[in-house]
Amino acid sequence: MSRPSRERRKVKLTDHAEERALQRGIRRFDIVKIINNPKETVIDEHTGRYKSYGEGIDAYARERVYVIIIHTPFNTNVKIITVMSVNNEGGLKAHGFSNF
């Protein structure tokens, strides 16, 4: 899937996404950065939801991680459904990404 345009998007986290971000040490700064400039975006073949990933910093461990964001289609406003992080490319591959 091609990358979205370079327009700055407004990001709205659901309550669930805010809770998961806090639990998992994912910073809002990284979520906004990734939504506006993802490394790759795919559509989940089972749910039809969009998934994007990029690099972030684990707020607790202070280590580089890959942040995966499940979200609505790219538009001026993007709703974040949930967020998670993985430590390696194997975790990205398991979620359907191939561009690393």
PDB file of N, CA and C in Angstrom:
ATOM      1  N   MET A   1       0.853  -1.169   0.000  1.00  0.00           N
ATOM      2  CA  MET A   1       0.000   0.000   0.000  1.00  0.00           C
ATOM      3  C   MET A   1       0.895   1.227   0.000  1.00  0.00           C
ATOM      4  N   SER A   2       0.528   2.236  -0.727  1.00  0.00           N
ATOM      5  CA  SER A   2       1.356   3.434  -0.787  1.00  0.00           C
ATOM      6  C   SER A   2       1.252   4.246   0.493  1.00  0.00           C
ATOM      7  N   ARG A   3       2.250   5.062   0.691  1.00  0.00           N
ATOM      8  CA  ARG A   3       2.259   5.920   1.867  1.00  0.00           C
ATOM      9  C   ARG A   3       1.238   7.034   1.714  1.00  0.00           C
ATOM     10  N   PRO A   4       0.676   7.498   2.817  1.00  0.00           N
ATOM     11  CA  PRO A   4      -0.281   8.596   2.746  1.00  0.00           C
ATOM     12  C   PRO A   4       0.432   9.893   2.392  1.00  0.00           C
ATOM     13  N   SER A   5      -0.336  10.900   2.029  1.00  0.00           N
ATOM     14  CA  SER A   5       0.245  12.200   1.700  1.00  0.00           C
ATOM     15  C   SER A   5       0.926  12.787   2.926  1.00  0.00           C
ATOM     16  N   ARG A   6       1.704  13.821   2.719  1.00  0.00           N
ATOM     17  CA  ARG A   6       2.491  14.417   3.795  1.00  0.00           C
ATOM     18  C   ARG A   6       1.710  15.471   4.596  1.00  0.00           C
ATOM     19  N   GLU A   7       0.406  15.587   4.380  1.00  0.00           N
ATOM     20  CA  GLU A   7      -0.391  16.512   5.188  1.00  0.00           C
ATOM     21  C   GLU A   7      -0.352  16.081   6.644  1.00  0.00           C
ATOM     22  N   ARG A   8      -0.326  17.046   7.534  1.00  0.00           N
ATOM     23  CA  ARG A   8      -0.342  16.732   8.970  1.00  0.00           C
ATOM     24  C   ARG A   8      -1.764  16.331   9.363  1.00  0.00           C
ATOM     25  N   ARG A   9      -1.888  15.188   9.986  1.00  0.00           N
ATOM     26  CA  ARG A   9      -3.193  14.677  10.383  1.00  0.00           C
ATOM     27  C   ARG A   9      -3.464  14.933  11.854  1.00  0.00           C
ATOM     28  N   LYS A  10      -4.733  15.140  12.178  1.00  0.00           N
ATOM     29  CA  LYS A  10      -5.149  15.237  13.579  1.00  0.00           C
ATOM     30  C   LYS A  10      -5.380  13.824  14.074  1.00  0.00           C
ATOM     31  N   VAL A  11      -4.829  13.519  15.235  1.00  0.00           N
ATOM     32  CA  VAL A  11      -4.890  12.176  15.783  1.00  0.00           C
ATOM     33  C   VAL A  11      -5.772  12.167  17.017  1.00  0.00           C
ATOM     34  N   LYS A  12      -6.746  11.257  17.050  1.00  0.00           N
ATOM     35  CA  LYS A  12      -7.647  11.100  18.184  1.00  0.00           C
ATOM     36  C   LYS A  12      -7.533   9.663  18.671  1.00  0.00           C
ATOM     37  N   LEU A  13      -7.150   9.500  19.926  1.00  0.00           N
ATOM     38  CA  LEU A  13      -7.050   8.165  20.508  1.00  0.00           C
ATOM     39  C   LEU A  13      -8.362   7.786  21.176  1.00  0.00           C
ATOM     40  N   THR A  14      -8.801   6.550  20.952  1.00  0.00           N
ATOM     41  CA  THR A  14      -9.955   6.046  21.700  1.00  0.00           C
ATOM     42  C   THR A  14      -9.510   5.855  23.152  1.00  0.00           C
ATOM     43  N   ASP A  15     -10.470   5.692  24.041  1.00  0.00           N
ATOM     44  CA  ASP A  15     -10.128   5.412  25.445  1.00  0.00           C
ATOM     45  C   ASP A  15      -9.258   4.160  25.542  1.00  0.00           C
ATOM     46  N   HIS A  16      -9.615   3.158  24.749  1.00  0.00           N
ATOM     47  CA  HIS A  16      -8.850   1.910  24.745  1.00  0.00           C
ATOM     48  C   HIS A  16      -7.401   2.165  24.314  1.00  0.00           C
ATOM     49  N   ALA A  17      -7.210   2.937  23.257  1.00  0.00           N
ATOM     50  CA  ALA A  17      -5.857   3.225  22.765  1.00  0.00           C
ATOM     51  C   ALA A  17      -5.054   4.011  23.798  1.00  0.00           C
ATOM     52  N   GLU A  18      -5.687   4.974  24.459  1.00  0.00           N
ATOM     53  CA  GLU A  18      -4.984   5.744  25.501  1.00  0.00           C
ATOM     54  C   GLU A  18      -4.538   4.827  26.639  1.00  0.00           C
ATOM     55  N   GLU A  19      -5.409   3.930  27.045  1.00  0.00           N
ATOM     56  CA  GLU A  19      -5.086   2.992  28.125  1.00  0.00           C
ATOM     57  C   GLU A  19      -3.934   2.065  27.729  1.00  0.00           C
ATOM     58  N   ARG A  20      -3.989   1.530  26.512  1.00  0.00           N
ATOM     59  CA  ARG A  20      -2.937   0.627  26.042  1.00  0.00           C
ATOM     60  C   ARG A  20      -1.605   1.368  25.883  1.00  0.00           C
ATOM     61  N   ALA A  21      -1.643   2.583  25.384  1.00  0.00           N
ATOM     62  CA  ALA A  21      -0.413   3.365  25.230  1.00  0.00           C
ATOM     63  C   ALA A  21       0.254   3.579  26.587  1.00  0.00           C
ATOM     64  N   LEU A  22      -0.531   3.922  27.585  1.00  0.00           N
ATOM     65  CA  LEU A  22       0.006   4.133  28.929  1.00  0.00           C
ATOM     66  C   LEU A  22       0.583   2.827  29.487  1.00  0.00           C
ATOM     67  N   GLN A  23      -0.170   1.740  29.363  1.00  0.00           N
ATOM     68  CA  GLN A  23       0.289   0.443  29.874  1.00  0.00           C
ATOM     69  C   GLN A  23       1.575  -0.025  29.202  1.00  0.00           C
ATOM     70  N   ARG A  24       1.700   0.280  27.920  1.00  0.00           N
ATOM     71  CA  ARG A  24       2.805  -0.258  27.122  1.00  0.00           C
ATOM     72  C   ARG A  24       3.960   0.721  26.938  1.00  0.00           C
ATOM     73  N   GLY A  25       3.868   1.882  27.564  1.00  0.00           N
ATOM     74  CA  GLY A  25       4.956   2.851  27.488  1.00  0.00           C
ATOM     75  C   GLY A  25       5.119   3.491  26.127  1.00  0.00           C
ATOM     76  N   ILE A  26       4.025   3.649  25.401  1.00  0.00           N
ATOM     77  CA  ILE A  26       4.070   4.251  24.070  1.00  0.00           C
ATOM     78  C   ILE A  26       3.662   5.716  24.183  1.00  0.00           C
ATOM     79  N   ARG A  27       4.547   6.580  23.745  1.00  0.00           N
ATOM     80  CA  ARG A  27       4.317   8.017  23.880  1.00  0.00           C
ATOM     81  C   ARG A  27       3.401   8.557  22.783  1.00  0.00           C
ATOM     82  N   ARG A  28       2.548   9.501  23.136  1.00  0.00           N
ATOM     83  CA  ARG A  28       1.666  10.143  22.157  1.00  0.00           C
ATOM     84  C   ARG A  28       2.481  10.777  21.034  1.00  0.00           C
ATOM     85  N   PHE A  29       3.605  11.363  21.392  1.00  0.00           N
ATOM     86  CA  PHE A  29       4.494  11.973  20.403  1.00  0.00           C
ATOM     87  C   PHE A  29       4.827  10.965  19.295  1.00  0.00           C
ATOM     88  N   ASP A  30       5.166   9.725  19.681  1.00  0.00           N
ATOM     89  CA  ASP A  30       5.515   8.704  18.697  1.00  0.00           C
ATOM     90  C   ASP A  30       4.305   8.287  17.865  1.00  0.00           C
ATOM     91  N   ILE A  31       3.142   8.226  18.474  1.00  0.00           N
ATOM     92  CA  ILE A  31       1.922   7.871  17.737  1.00  0.00           C
ATOM     93  C   ILE A  31       1.645   8.900  16.648  1.00  0.00           C
ATOM     94  N   VAL A  32       1.693  10.162  16.999  1.00  0.00           N
ATOM     95  CA  VAL A  32       1.435  11.233  16.031  1.00  0.00           C
ATOM     96  C   VAL A  32       2.493  11.219  14.932  1.00  0.00           C
ATOM     97  N   LYS A  33       3.756  11.047  15.310  1.00  0.00           N
ATOM     98  CA  LYS A  33       4.853  11.008  14.341  1.00  0.00           C
ATOM     99  C   LYS A  33       4.649   9.867  13.344  1.00  0.00           C
ATOM    100  N   ILE A  34       4.278   8.693  13.843  1.00  0.00           N
ATOM    101  CA  ILE A  34       4.105   7.530  12.973  1.00  0.00           C
ATOM    102  C   ILE A  34       2.896   7.679  12.068  1.00  0.00           C
ATOM    103  N   ILE A  35       1.799   8.179  12.577  1.00  0.00           N
ATOM    104  CA  ILE A  35       0.602   8.373  11.741  1.00  0.00           C
ATOM    105  C   ILE A  35       0.891   9.357  10.608  1.00  0.00           C
ATOM    106  N   ASN A  36       1.699  10.357  10.882  1.00  0.00           N
ATOM    107  CA  ASN A  36       2.010  11.355   9.864  1.00  0.00           C
ATOM    108  C   ASN A  36       3.151  10.947   8.939  1.00  0.00           C
ATOM    109  N   ASN A  37       3.913   9.925   9.314  1.00  0.00           N
ATOM    110  CA  ASN A  37       5.014   9.464   8.471  1.00  0.00           C
ATOM    111  C   ASN A  37       5.335   7.993   8.775  1.00  0.00           C
ATOM    112  N   PRO A  38       4.415   7.082   8.444  1.00  0.00           N
ATOM    113  CA  PRO A  38       4.632   5.665   8.770  1.00  0.00           C
ATOM    114  C   PRO A  38       5.715   5.045   7.890  1.00  0.00           C
ATOM    115  N   LYS A  39       6.401   4.043   8.445  1.00  0.00           N
ATOM    116  CA  LYS A  39       7.360   3.260   7.648  1.00  0.00           C
ATOM    117  C   LYS A  39       6.602   2.415   6.633  1.00  0.00           C
ATOM    118  N   GLU A  40       5.439   1.884   7.063  1.00  0.00           N
ATOM    119  CA  GLU A  40       4.603   1.066   6.184  1.00  0.00           C
ATOM    120  C   GLU A  40       3.186   1.055   6.741  1.00  0.00           C
ATOM    121  N   THR A  41       2.222   0.960   5.842  1.00  0.00           N
ATOM    122  CA  THR A  41       0.816   0.833   6.223  1.00  0.00           C
ATOM    123  C   THR A  41       0.232  -0.327   5.429  1.00  0.00           C
ATOM    124  N   VAL A  42      -0.513  -1.194   6.115  1.00  0.00           N
ATOM    125  CA  VAL A  42      -1.173  -2.326   5.472  1.00  0.00           C
ATOM    126  C   VAL A  42      -2.627  -2.367   5.951  1.00  0.00           C
ATOM    127  N   ILE A  43      -3.437  -3.088   5.221  1.00  0.00           N
ATOM    128  CA  ILE A  43      -4.814  -3.329   5.652  1.00  0.00           C
ATOM    129  C   ILE A  43      -4.883  -4.766   6.144  1.00  0.00           C
ATOM    130  N   ASP A  44      -5.374  -4.954   7.362  1.00  0.00           N
ATOM    131  CA  ASP A  44      -5.502  -6.287   7.941  1.00  0.00           C
ATOM    132  C   ASP A  44      -6.525  -7.075   7.129  1.00  0.00           C
ATOM    133  N   GLU A  45      -6.110  -8.223   6.626  1.00  0.00           N
ATOM    134  CA  GLU A  45      -6.994  -9.009   5.759  1.00  0.00           C
ATOM    135  C   GLU A  45      -8.187  -9.599   6.493  1.00  0.00           C
ATOM    136  N   HIS A  46      -8.098  -9.718   7.816  1.00  0.00           N
ATOM    137  CA  HIS A  46      -9.199 -10.302   8.586  1.00  0.00           C
ATOM    138  C   HIS A  46     -10.194  -9.261   9.070  1.00  0.00           C
ATOM    139  N   THR A  47      -9.700  -8.090   9.490  1.00  0.00           N
ATOM    140  CA  THR A  47     -10.582  -7.079  10.066  1.00  0.00           C
ATOM    141  C   THR A  47     -10.867  -5.914   9.125  1.00  0.00           C
ATOM    142  N   GLY A  48     -10.023  -5.726   8.113  1.00  0.00           N
ATOM    143  CA  GLY A  48     -10.175  -4.588   7.214  1.00  0.00           C
ATOM    144  C   GLY A  48      -9.661  -3.288   7.809  1.00  0.00           C
ATOM    145  N   ARG A  49      -9.054  -3.361   8.996  1.00  0.00           N
ATOM    146  CA  ARG A  49      -8.528  -2.159   9.636  1.00  0.00           C
ATOM    147  C   ARG A  49      -7.125  -1.839   9.126  1.00  0.00           C
ATOM    148  N   TYR A  50      -6.795  -0.583   9.214  1.00  0.00           N
ATOM    149  CA  TYR A  50      -5.471  -0.134   8.804  1.00  0.00           C
ATOM    150  C   TYR A  50      -4.478  -0.342   9.935  1.00  0.00           C
ATOM    151  N   LYS A  51      -3.252  -0.743   9.557  1.00  0.00           N
ATOM    152  CA  LYS A  51      -2.168  -0.912  10.522  1.00  0.00           C
ATOM    153  C   LYS A  51      -0.949  -0.193   9.965  1.00  0.00           C
ATOM    154  N   SER A  52      -0.343   0.637  10.796  1.00  0.00           N
ATOM    155  CA  SER A  52       0.878   1.344  10.412  1.00  0.00           C
ATOM    156  C   SER A  52       1.924   1.099  11.476  1.00  0.00           C
ATOM    157  N   TYR A  53       3.200   1.189  11.067  1.00  0.00           N
ATOM    158  CA  TYR A  53       4.245   1.056  12.063  1.00  0.00           C
ATOM    159  C   TYR A  53       5.358   2.066  11.803  1.00  0.00           C
ATOM    160  N   GLY A  54       6.121   2.301  12.848  1.00  0.00           N
ATOM    161  CA  GLY A  54       7.298   3.155  12.784  1.00  0.00           C
ATOM    162  C   GLY A  54       8.107   2.928  14.037  1.00  0.00           C
ATOM    163  N   GLU A  55       9.194   3.652  14.161  1.00  0.00           N
ATOM    164  CA  GLU A  55      10.054   3.507  15.326  1.00  0.00           C
ATOM    165  C   GLU A  55       9.656   4.486  16.411  1.00  0.00           C
ATOM    166  N   GLY A  56       9.777   4.034  17.645  1.00  0.00           N
ATOM    167  CA  GLY A  56       9.492   4.874  18.800  1.00  0.00           C
ATOM    168  C   GLY A  56      10.426   4.506  19.939  1.00  0.00           C
ATOM    169  N   ILE A  57      10.242   5.158  21.054  1.00  0.00           N
ATOM    170  CA  ILE A  57      11.030   4.886  22.248  1.00  0.00           C
ATOM    171  C   ILE A  57      10.086   4.410  23.348  1.00  0.00           C
ATOM    172  N   ASP A  58      10.388   3.244  23.946  1.00  0.00           N
ATOM    173  CA  ASP A  58       9.624   2.753  25.085  1.00  0.00           C
ATOM    174  C   ASP A  58       9.838   3.724  26.243  1.00  0.00           C
ATOM    175  N   ALA A  59       8.772   4.323  26.722  1.00  0.00           N
ATOM    176  CA  ALA A  59       8.871   5.353  27.763  1.00  0.00           C
ATOM    177  C   ALA A  59       9.385   4.805  29.088  1.00  0.00           C
ATOM    178  N   TYR A  60       9.244   3.516  29.319  1.00  0.00           N
ATOM    179  CA  TYR A  60       9.682   2.923  30.576  1.00  0.00           C
ATOM    180  C   TYR A  60      11.092   2.350  30.480  1.00  0.00           C
ATOM    181  N   ALA A  61      11.370   1.591  29.428  1.00  0.00           N
ATOM    182  CA  ALA A  61      12.676   0.946  29.275  1.00  0.00           C
ATOM    183  C   ALA A  61      13.700   1.853  28.594  1.00  0.00           C
ATOM    184  N   ARG A  62      13.218   2.937  27.973  1.00  0.00           N
ATOM    185  CA  ARG A  62      14.094   3.861  27.234  1.00  0.00           C
ATOM    186  C   ARG A  62      14.866   3.143  26.128  1.00  0.00           C
ATOM    187  N   GLU A  63      14.189   2.223  25.462  1.00  0.00           N
ATOM    188  CA  GLU A  63      14.779   1.481  24.361  1.00  0.00           C
ATOM    189  C   GLU A  63      13.975   1.729  23.091  1.00  0.00           C
ATOM    190  N   ARG A  64      14.660   1.601  21.960  1.00  0.00           N
ATOM    191  CA  ARG A  64      13.984   1.743  20.666  1.00  0.00           C
ATOM    192  C   ARG A  64      13.083   0.528  20.453  1.00  0.00           C
ATOM    193  N   VAL A  65      11.871   0.764  20.015  1.00  0.00           N
ATOM    194  CA  VAL A  65      10.916  -0.301  19.699  1.00  0.00           C
ATOM    195  C   VAL A  65      10.207   0.053  18.400  1.00  0.00           C
ATOM    196  N   TYR A  66       9.579  -0.937  17.805  1.00  0.00           N
ATOM    197  CA  TYR A  66       8.683  -0.695  16.684  1.00  0.00           C
ATOM    198  C   TYR A  66       7.279  -0.536  17.257  1.00  0.00           C
ATOM    199  N   VAL A  67       6.615   0.547  16.919  1.00  0.00           N
ATOM    200  CA  VAL A  67       5.258   0.817  17.395  1.00  0.00           C
ATOM    201  C   VAL A  67       4.281   0.493  16.274  1.00  0.00           C
ATOM    202  N   ILE A  68       3.313  -0.361  16.580  1.00  0.00           N
ATOM    203  CA  ILE A  68       2.266  -0.729  15.628  1.00  0.00           C
ATOM    204  C   ILE A  68       0.983  -0.030  16.063  1.00  0.00           C
ATOM    205  N   ILE A  69       0.339   0.626  15.113  1.00  0.00           N
ATOM    206  CA  ILE A  69      -0.878   1.392  15.393  1.00  0.00           C
ATOM    207  C   ILE A  69      -2.009   0.848  14.528  1.00  0.00           C
ATOM    208  N   ILE A  70      -3.112   0.504  15.157  1.00  0.00           N
ATOM    209  CA  ILE A  70      -4.329   0.098  14.452  1.00  0.00           C
ATOM    210  C   ILE A  70      -5.220   1.333  14.400  1.00  0.00           C
ATOM    211  N   HIS A  71      -5.672   1.708  13.203  1.00  0.00           N
ATOM    212  CA  HIS A  71      -6.369   2.990  13.060  1.00  0.00           C
ATOM    213  C   HIS A  71      -7.380   2.972  11.925  1.00  0.00           C
ATOM    214  N   THR A  72      -8.154   4.047  11.850  1.00  0.00           N
ATOM    215  CA  THR A  72      -9.111   4.242  10.765  1.00  0.00           C
ATOM    216  C   THR A  72      -8.344   4.662   9.512  1.00  0.00           C
ATOM    217  N   PRO A  73      -9.005   4.658   8.345  1.00  0.00           N
ATOM    218  CA  PRO A  73      -8.319   5.076   7.121  1.00  0.00           C
ATOM    219  C   PRO A  73      -7.730   6.483   7.256  1.00  0.00           C
ATOM    220  N   PHE A  74      -6.647   6.731   6.505  1.00  0.00           N
ATOM    221  CA  PHE A  74      -6.030   8.055   6.521  1.00  0.00           C
ATOM    222  C   PHE A  74      -6.987   9.084   5.960  1.00  0.00           C
ATOM    223  N   ASN A  75      -7.110  10.167   6.679  1.00  0.00           N
ATOM    224  CA  ASN A  75      -7.931  11.304   6.297  1.00  0.00           C
ATOM    225  C   ASN A  75      -7.343  12.485   7.049  1.00  0.00           C
ATOM    226  N   THR A  76      -8.019  13.604   7.081  1.00  0.00           N
ATOM    227  CA  THR A  76      -7.541  14.734   7.867  1.00  0.00           C
ATOM    228  C   THR A  76      -7.481  14.364   9.333  1.00  0.00           C
ATOM    229  N   ASN A  77      -8.476  13.586   9.789  1.00  0.00           N
ATOM    230  CA  ASN A  77      -8.518  13.079  11.162  1.00  0.00           C
ATOM    231  C   ASN A  77      -8.358  11.565  11.128  1.00  0.00           C
ATOM    232  N   VAL A  78      -7.549  11.049  12.050  1.00  0.00           N
ATOM    233  CA  VAL A  78      -7.345   9.604  12.137  1.00  0.00           C
ATOM    234  C   VAL A  78      -7.639   9.168  13.566  1.00  0.00           C
ATOM    235  N   LYS A  79      -8.526   8.180  13.703  1.00  0.00           N
ATOM    236  CA  LYS A  79      -8.840   7.641  15.026  1.00  0.00           C
ATOM    237  C   LYS A  79      -7.952   6.437  15.289  1.00  0.00           C
ATOM    238  N   ILE A  80      -7.271   6.458  16.430  1.00  0.00           N
ATOM    239  CA  ILE A  80      -6.400   5.366  16.827  1.00  0.00           C
ATOM    240  C   ILE A  80      -7.223   4.385  17.649  1.00  0.00           C
ATOM    241  N   ILE A  81      -7.272   3.140  17.213  1.00  0.00           N
ATOM    242  CA  ILE A  81      -8.065   2.119  17.879  1.00  0.00           C
ATOM    243  C   ILE A  81      -7.259   1.456  18.989  1.00  0.00           C
ATOM    244  N   THR A  82      -6.017   1.080  18.683  1.00  0.00           N
ATOM    245  CA  THR A  82      -5.129   0.525  19.697  1.00  0.00           C
ATOM    246  C   THR A  82      -3.692   0.674  19.239  1.00  0.00           C
ATOM    247  N   VAL A  83      -2.772   0.476  20.170  1.00  0.00           N
ATOM    248  CA  VAL A  83      -1.338   0.561  19.877  1.00  0.00           C
ATOM    249  C   VAL A  83      -0.614  -0.573  20.598  1.00  0.00           C
ATOM    250  N   MET A  84       0.495  -1.004  20.022  1.00  0.00           N
ATOM    251  CA  MET A  84       1.321  -2.033  20.646  1.00  0.00           C
ATOM    252  C   MET A  84       2.749  -1.834  20.171  1.00  0.00           C
ATOM    253  N   SER A  85       3.682  -2.508  20.821  1.00  0.00           N
ATOM    254  CA  SER A  85       5.062  -2.413  20.375  1.00  0.00           C
ATOM    255  C   SER A  85       5.663  -3.807  20.269  1.00  0.00           C
ATOM    256  N   VAL A  86       6.631  -3.933  19.385  1.00  0.00           N
ATOM    257  CA  VAL A  86       7.398  -5.168  19.233  1.00  0.00           C
ATOM    258  C   VAL A  86       8.871  -4.783  19.178  1.00  0.00           C
ATOM    259  N   ASN A  87       9.733  -5.718  19.550  1.00  0.00           N
ATOM    260  CA  ASN A  87      11.156  -5.421  19.635  1.00  0.00           C
ATOM    261  C   ASN A  87      11.955  -5.795  18.398  1.00  0.00           C
ATOM    262  N   ASN A  88      11.349  -6.550  17.484  1.00  0.00           N
ATOM    263  CA  ASN A  88      12.135  -7.010  16.340  1.00  0.00           C
ATOM    264  C   ASN A  88      11.288  -7.131  15.080  1.00  0.00           C
ATOM    265  N   GLU A  89      11.975  -7.356  13.967  1.00  0.00           N
ATOM    266  CA  GLU A  89      11.285  -7.455  12.688  1.00  0.00           C
ATOM    267  C   GLU A  89      10.388  -8.685  12.594  1.00  0.00           C
ATOM    268  N   GLY A  90      10.703  -9.728  13.366  1.00  0.00           N
ATOM    269  CA  GLY A  90       9.842 -10.909  13.396  1.00  0.00           C
ATOM    270  C   GLY A  90       8.441 -10.548  13.895  1.00  0.00           C
ATOM    271  N   GLY A  91       8.388  -9.667  14.884  1.00  0.00           N
ATOM    272  CA  GLY A  91       7.087  -9.200  15.389  1.00  0.00           C
ATOM    273  C   GLY A  91       6.337  -8.393  14.358  1.00  0.00           C
ATOM    274  N   LEU A  92       7.062  -7.608  13.548  1.00  0.00           N
ATOM    275  CA  LEU A  92       6.412  -6.850  12.472  1.00  0.00           C
ATOM    276  C   LEU A  92       5.864  -7.805  11.407  1.00  0.00           C
ATOM    277  N   LYS A  93       6.664  -8.785  11.051  1.00  0.00           N
ATOM    278  CA  LYS A  93       6.248  -9.757  10.032  1.00  0.00           C
ATOM    279  C   LYS A  93       4.987 -10.491  10.467  1.00  0.00           C
ATOM    280  N   ALA A  94       4.909 -10.842  11.745  1.00  0.00           N
ATOM    281  CA  ALA A  94       3.726 -11.543  12.275  1.00  0.00           C
ATOM    282  C   ALA A  94       2.464 -10.701  12.145  1.00  0.00           C
ATOM    283  N   HIS A  95       2.619  -9.376  12.065  1.00  0.00           N
ATOM    284  CA  HIS A  95       1.472  -8.478  11.935  1.00  0.00           C
ATOM    285  C   HIS A  95       1.233  -8.064  10.484  1.00  0.00           C
ATOM    286  N   GLY A  96       1.946  -8.678   9.535  1.00  0.00           N
ATOM    287  CA  GLY A  96       1.680  -8.450   8.111  1.00  0.00           C
ATOM    288  C   GLY A  96       2.556  -7.408   7.437  1.00  0.00           C
ATOM    289  N   PHE A  97       3.574  -6.907   8.121  1.00  0.00           N
ATOM    290  CA  PHE A  97       4.451  -5.910   7.507  1.00  0.00           C
ATOM    291  C   PHE A  97       5.611  -6.596   6.804  1.00  0.00           C
ATOM    292  N   SER A  98       6.128  -5.964   5.752  1.00  0.00           N
ATOM    293  CA  SER A  98       7.239  -6.552   5.016  1.00  0.00           C
ATOM    294  C   SER A  98       8.319  -5.542   4.656  1.00  0.00           C
ATOM    295  N   ASN A  99       8.086  -4.268   4.924  1.00  0.00           N
ATOM    296  CA  ASN A  99       9.024  -3.215   4.534  1.00  0.00           C
ATOM    297  C   ASN A  99       9.844  -2.773   5.745  1.00  0.00           C
ATOM    298  N   PHE A 100      10.970  -3.468   6.001  1.00  0.00           N
ATOM    299  CA  PHE A 100      11.821  -3.058   7.115  1.00  0.00           C
ATOM    300  C   PHE A 100      13.267  -3.030   6.703  1.00  0.00           C
TER     301      PHE A 100
END
